[in-house]
């Protein structure tokens, strides 16, 4: 049971720590920069409307966080944490022959925590994708279809408050823009979720190493106490032996022994 849990967790963890391909990361960064420029222009164009200004400013800040998540994941500390987690898993694993039951239990708890973290983070990813991505996407498509086929003035719902000329408003253009924004948002959630996974796993690795260190110190303390107890016992025995020897040398037993030797001669 332990081996199956450990192997399944390691396999899922490898998929967690797999970074996106370079080409996808570059496309994501380019699209994010284009969105930032568009939102900056949209903020300027909608500055007179207080509500639209706040919404556009919120979306612009969101894209800045997207850039930070990308830089952190691809060029920052996250890559080093990924290496640390991989080295930790390779060097510290369950071994019934070399490790004690307590240490194997600590490592097994780490594997179970990894598995729990994997499940929780996946749920967060699906929840954010559905609530903040798919639902606005479906509402936007529904509004575009109603506006196109029923010739109704319907306000479109976009994931971001982007700005584009009125002459480009068509059903095909709306679907393309909505789909691209949805894919971009899914990539954004994936980058942040991956960063969160790496941080959580690294903290759990540190916790496991601290628990193993505590267990080793406790074992060393027990060994030292046992050795000191044995030394005290030896000292007691040696002191009693010294007392016996001194009684033989300076006491009546030694004198009697000398007299016996002399009488024999």
Protein backbone atom coordinates (compact mmCIF):
# COMPACT_ATOMS: atom_id res chain seq x y z
CA UNK A 1 0.00 0.00 0.00
CA UNK A 2 2.82 2.39 0.88
CA UNK A 3 4.68 1.64 -2.35
CA UNK A 4 1.60 2.15 -4.50
CA UNK A 5 0.75 5.43 -2.79
CA UNK A 6 4.32 6.64 -3.12
CA UNK A 7 4.68 5.73 -6.80
CA UNK A 8 1.32 7.23 -7.79
CA UNK A 9 2.12 10.44 -5.93
CA UNK A 10 5.53 10.78 -7.53
CA UNK A 11 4.04 10.31 -11.01
CA UNK A 12 1.39 12.95 -10.39
CA UNK A 13 3.99 15.28 -8.91
CA UNK A 14 6.17 15.00 -12.00
CA UNK A 15 3.19 16.14 -14.09
CA UNK A 16 2.67 19.03 -11.67
CA UNK A 17 6.23 20.24 -11.94
CA UNK A 18 6.38 20.00 -15.72
CA UNK A 19 6.69 23.56 -16.98
CA UNK A 20 4.87 24.68 -20.15
CA UNK A 21 6.79 24.44 -23.45
CA UNK A 22 8.89 27.43 -24.39
CA UNK A 23 6.87 28.29 -27.51
CA UNK A 24 3.61 28.39 -25.51
CA UNK A 25 5.25 30.54 -22.85
CA UNK A 26 6.46 33.01 -25.47
CA UNK A 27 3.04 33.21 -27.12
CA UNK A 28 1.48 33.76 -23.71
CA UNK A 29 3.93 36.58 -22.93
CA UNK A 30 3.36 38.28 -26.31
CA UNK A 31 -0.44 38.07 -25.96
CA UNK A 32 -0.20 39.45 -22.41
CA UNK A 33 1.86 42.43 -23.61
CA UNK A 34 -0.66 43.11 -26.41
CA UNK A 35 -3.51 42.98 -23.91
CA UNK A 36 -1.69 45.40 -21.62
CA UNK A 37 -1.29 47.90 -24.46
CA UNK A 38 -4.93 47.49 -25.44
CA UNK A 39 -6.12 47.93 -21.85
CA UNK A 40 -3.93 51.01 -21.41
CA UNK A 41 -5.58 52.56 -24.47
CA UNK A 42 -9.00 51.40 -23.26
CA UNK A 43 -8.35 53.05 -19.89
CA UNK A 44 -7.58 56.31 -21.68
CA UNK A 45 -10.67 56.03 -23.90
CA UNK A 46 -13.03 55.18 -21.01
CA UNK A 47 -11.60 57.57 -18.44
CA UNK A 48 -14.80 59.64 -18.38
CA UNK A 49 -16.87 56.64 -17.19
CA UNK A 50 -16.02 55.92 -13.54
CA UNK A 51 -17.29 52.31 -13.49
CA UNK A 52 -15.63 51.38 -16.79
CA UNK A 53 -12.46 53.06 -15.61
CA UNK A 54 -12.35 50.90 -12.47
CA UNK A 55 -13.10 47.72 -14.41
CA UNK A 56 -10.42 48.48 -17.00
CA UNK A 57 -7.91 49.36 -14.29
CA UNK A 58 -8.70 46.07 -12.54
CA UNK A 59 -8.10 44.14 -15.78
CA UNK A 60 -4.85 46.01 -16.40
CA UNK A 61 -3.60 45.10 -12.92
CA UNK A 62 -4.62 41.49 -13.62
CA UNK A 63 -2.44 41.40 -16.73
CA UNK A 64 0.47 42.81 -14.71
CA UNK A 65 0.04 39.94 -12.26
CA UNK A 66 0.05 37.61 -15.27
CA UNK A 67 3.43 38.97 -16.33
CA UNK A 68 4.77 38.57 -12.80
CA UNK A 69 3.54 34.98 -12.60
CA UNK A 70 5.19 34.21 -15.94
CA UNK A 71 8.51 35.77 -14.93
CA UNK A 72 8.45 34.05 -11.55
CA UNK A 73 7.64 30.66 -13.02
CA UNK A 74 10.04 30.72 -15.97
CA UNK A 75 12.90 32.90 -14.75
CA UNK A 76 12.60 33.24 -10.98
CA UNK A 77 12.66 31.20 -7.81
CA UNK A 78 10.04 28.69 -8.95
CA UNK A 79 12.50 26.89 -11.21
CA UNK A 80 14.96 26.52 -8.33
CA UNK A 81 12.17 25.24 -6.08
CA UNK A 82 11.29 22.65 -8.73
CA UNK A 83 14.89 21.40 -8.69
CA UNK A 84 14.85 21.34 -4.88
CA UNK A 85 11.66 19.25 -4.80
CA UNK A 86 13.03 16.78 -7.36
CA UNK A 87 16.30 16.40 -5.45
CA UNK A 88 14.39 16.02 -2.18
CA UNK A 89 12.20 13.25 -3.62
CA UNK A 90 15.17 11.42 -5.14
CA UNK A 91 17.31 11.56 -1.99
CA UNK A 92 14.58 11.03 0.62
CA UNK A 93 12.35 8.07 -0.18
CA UNK A 94 10.85 5.13 1.70
CA UNK A 95 13.41 2.40 2.37
CA UNK A 96 12.38 -0.37 4.76
CA UNK A 97 15.90 -1.79 4.91
CA UNK A 98 17.92 1.33 5.71
CA UNK A 99 15.42 3.56 7.52
CA UNK A 100 13.48 3.08 10.74
CA UNK A 101 9.72 2.74 10.86
CA UNK A 102 9.37 6.27 12.22
CA UNK A 103 11.31 7.80 9.33
CA UNK A 104 9.42 5.73 6.77
CA UNK A 105 6.19 6.91 8.39
CA UNK A 106 7.31 10.55 8.09
CA UNK A 107 8.13 10.08 4.40
CA UNK A 108 4.81 8.31 3.81
CA UNK A 109 2.98 11.25 5.41
CA UNK A 110 4.84 13.55 3.03
CA UNK A 111 3.62 11.50 0.08
CA UNK A 112 0.05 11.62 1.36
CA UNK A 113 0.30 15.40 1.80
CA UNK A 114 1.62 15.68 -1.76
CA UNK A 115 -1.37 13.71 -3.00
CA UNK A 116 -3.80 15.87 -1.03
CA UNK A 117 -2.18 19.06 -2.34
CA UNK A 118 -2.43 17.76 -5.89
CA UNK A 119 -6.18 17.14 -5.51
CA UNK A 120 -6.86 20.51 -3.86
CA UNK A 121 -4.92 22.46 -6.47
CA UNK A 122 -6.68 20.65 -9.32
CA UNK A 123 -10.02 21.59 -7.80
CA UNK A 124 -8.95 25.22 -7.56
CA UNK A 125 -7.85 25.15 -11.20
CA UNK A 126 -11.15 23.72 -12.44
CA UNK A 127 -13.16 26.05 -10.19
CA UNK A 128 -11.37 29.20 -11.37
CA UNK A 129 -11.51 28.08 -15.00
CA UNK A 130 -15.26 27.40 -14.86
CA UNK A 131 -16.37 30.34 -12.71
CA UNK A 132 -14.08 33.05 -14.08
CA UNK A 133 -13.48 31.66 -17.57
CA UNK A 134 -16.15 29.41 -19.04
CA UNK A 135 -19.20 31.16 -17.57
CA UNK A 136 -18.25 34.65 -18.91
CA UNK A 137 -17.24 32.97 -22.19
CA UNK A 138 -20.67 31.33 -22.57
CA UNK A 139 -22.44 34.55 -21.61
CA UNK A 140 -20.40 36.47 -24.17
CA UNK A 141 -21.18 33.98 -26.94
CA UNK A 142 -24.85 34.00 -26.00
CA UNK A 143 -24.93 37.80 -26.14
CA UNK A 144 -23.11 37.80 -29.49
CA UNK A 145 -25.55 35.28 -30.98
CA UNK A 146 -28.56 37.25 -29.73
CA UNK A 147 -27.16 40.51 -31.08
CA UNK A 148 -26.32 38.94 -34.45
CA UNK A 149 -29.40 36.83 -35.19
CA UNK A 150 -32.14 38.73 -33.34
CA UNK A 151 -30.73 42.19 -34.06
CA UNK A 152 -30.97 43.16 -30.42
CA UNK A 153 -28.81 45.61 -28.60
CA UNK A 154 -27.18 43.31 -26.03
CA UNK A 155 -24.22 44.26 -23.91
CA UNK A 156 -21.37 41.83 -24.48
CA UNK A 157 -19.57 40.20 -21.56
CA UNK A 158 -15.83 39.91 -22.04
CA UNK A 159 -13.26 38.37 -19.76
CA UNK A 160 -11.28 41.60 -20.09
CA UNK A 161 -12.42 45.12 -20.90
CA UNK A 162 -10.60 45.29 -24.21
CA UNK A 163 -11.18 48.05 -26.73
CA UNK A 164 -11.60 47.68 -30.48
CA UNK A 165 -13.27 49.73 -33.26
CA UNK A 166 -17.02 49.45 -33.82
CA UNK A 167 -16.63 48.33 -37.46
CA UNK A 168 -14.97 45.09 -36.32
CA UNK A 169 -18.00 44.00 -34.30
CA UNK A 170 -19.20 40.85 -36.00
CA UNK A 171 -20.15 37.37 -34.81
CA UNK A 172 -16.96 35.79 -36.14
CA UNK A 173 -14.76 38.48 -34.64
CA UNK A 174 -16.55 38.24 -31.28
CA UNK A 175 -16.12 34.45 -31.18
CA UNK A 176 -12.43 34.70 -32.08
CA UNK A 177 -11.77 37.35 -29.43
CA UNK A 178 -13.75 35.50 -26.77
CA UNK A 179 -11.98 32.20 -27.51
CA UNK A 180 -8.53 33.79 -27.44
CA UNK A 181 -9.31 35.51 -24.14
CA UNK A 182 -10.56 32.22 -22.69
CA UNK A 183 -7.37 30.39 -23.73
CA UNK A 184 -5.27 33.22 -22.36
CA UNK A 185 -7.15 33.14 -19.05
CA UNK A 186 -6.75 29.34 -18.76
CA UNK A 187 -3.00 29.77 -19.33
CA UNK A 188 -2.92 32.52 -16.68
CA UNK A 189 -4.69 30.30 -14.12
CA UNK A 190 -2.35 27.43 -15.02
CA UNK A 191 0.75 29.56 -14.37
CA UNK A 192 -0.52 30.78 -11.01
CA UNK A 193 -1.75 27.34 -9.96
CA UNK A 194 1.60 25.79 -10.90
CA UNK A 195 3.38 28.43 -8.86
CA UNK A 196 1.10 27.70 -5.91
CA UNK A 197 1.74 23.95 -6.24
CA UNK A 198 5.49 24.41 -6.26
CA UNK A 199 5.39 26.66 -3.19
CA UNK A 200 3.16 24.24 -1.29
CA UNK A 201 5.28 21.18 -2.18
CA UNK A 202 8.51 22.96 -1.25
CA UNK A 203 7.12 23.88 2.18
CA UNK A 204 6.09 20.26 2.69
CA UNK A 205 9.58 19.09 1.71
CA UNK A 206 11.11 21.47 4.27
CA UNK A 207 8.64 20.23 6.89
CA UNK A 208 9.58 16.63 6.13
CA UNK A 209 13.29 17.37 6.45
CA UNK A 210 12.71 19.11 9.78
CA UNK A 211 10.71 16.13 11.05
CA UNK A 212 13.44 13.72 9.93
CA UNK A 213 16.05 15.91 11.61
CA UNK A 214 14.03 15.96 14.83
CA UNK A 215 13.68 12.17 14.69
CA UNK A 216 17.44 11.75 14.15
CA UNK A 217 18.25 14.09 17.06
CA UNK A 218 15.87 12.18 19.32
CA UNK A 219 17.47 8.88 18.30
CA UNK A 220 20.94 10.31 18.94
CA UNK A 221 19.78 11.61 22.32
CA UNK A 222 18.46 8.16 23.26
CA UNK A 223 21.72 6.52 22.17
CA UNK A 224 23.77 9.02 24.20
CA UNK A 225 21.59 8.47 27.26
CA UNK A 226 21.98 4.70 26.96
CA UNK A 227 25.75 4.97 26.53
CA UNK A 228 26.01 7.30 29.53
CA UNK A 229 23.93 4.88 31.59
CA UNK A 230 26.28 2.05 30.62
CA UNK A 231 29.30 4.17 31.53
CA UNK A 232 27.76 4.92 34.93
CA UNK A 233 27.21 1.20 35.51
CA UNK A 234 30.81 0.51 34.55
CA UNK A 235 31.99 3.22 36.91
CA UNK A 236 30.00 1.67 39.75
CA UNK A 237 31.48 -1.74 39.05
CA UNK A 238 34.99 -0.37 38.79
CA UNK A 239 34.60 1.58 42.05
CA UNK A 240 33.43 -1.55 43.83
CA UNK A 241 36.38 -3.43 42.40
CA UNK A 242 38.70 -0.68 43.59
CA UNK A 243 37.19 -0.93 47.07
CA UNK A 244 37.77 -4.67 47.13
CA UNK A 245 41.35 -4.24 45.98
CA UNK A 246 42.02 -1.56 48.55
CA UNK A 247 40.58 -3.78 51.27
CA UNK A 248 42.87 -6.57 50.12
CA UNK A 249 45.87 -4.29 50.05
CA UNK A 250 45.36 -2.33 53.26
CA UNK A 251 42.99 -4.49 55.25
CA UNK A 252 43.02 -7.67 57.22
CA UNK A 253 42.58 -9.88 54.16
CA UNK A 254 45.85 -8.66 52.68
CA UNK A 255 47.73 -9.15 55.97
CA UNK A 256 46.27 -12.63 56.37
CA UNK A 257 47.32 -13.46 52.85
CA UNK A 258 50.88 -12.31 53.60
CA UNK A 259 51.00 -14.41 56.78
CA UNK A 260 49.78 -17.46 54.88
CA UNK A 261 52.51 -16.98 52.30
CA UNK A 262 55.15 -16.64 55.02
CA UNK A 263 53.90 -19.74 56.87
CA UNK A 264 54.06 -21.76 53.66
CA UNK A 265 57.67 -20.76 53.23
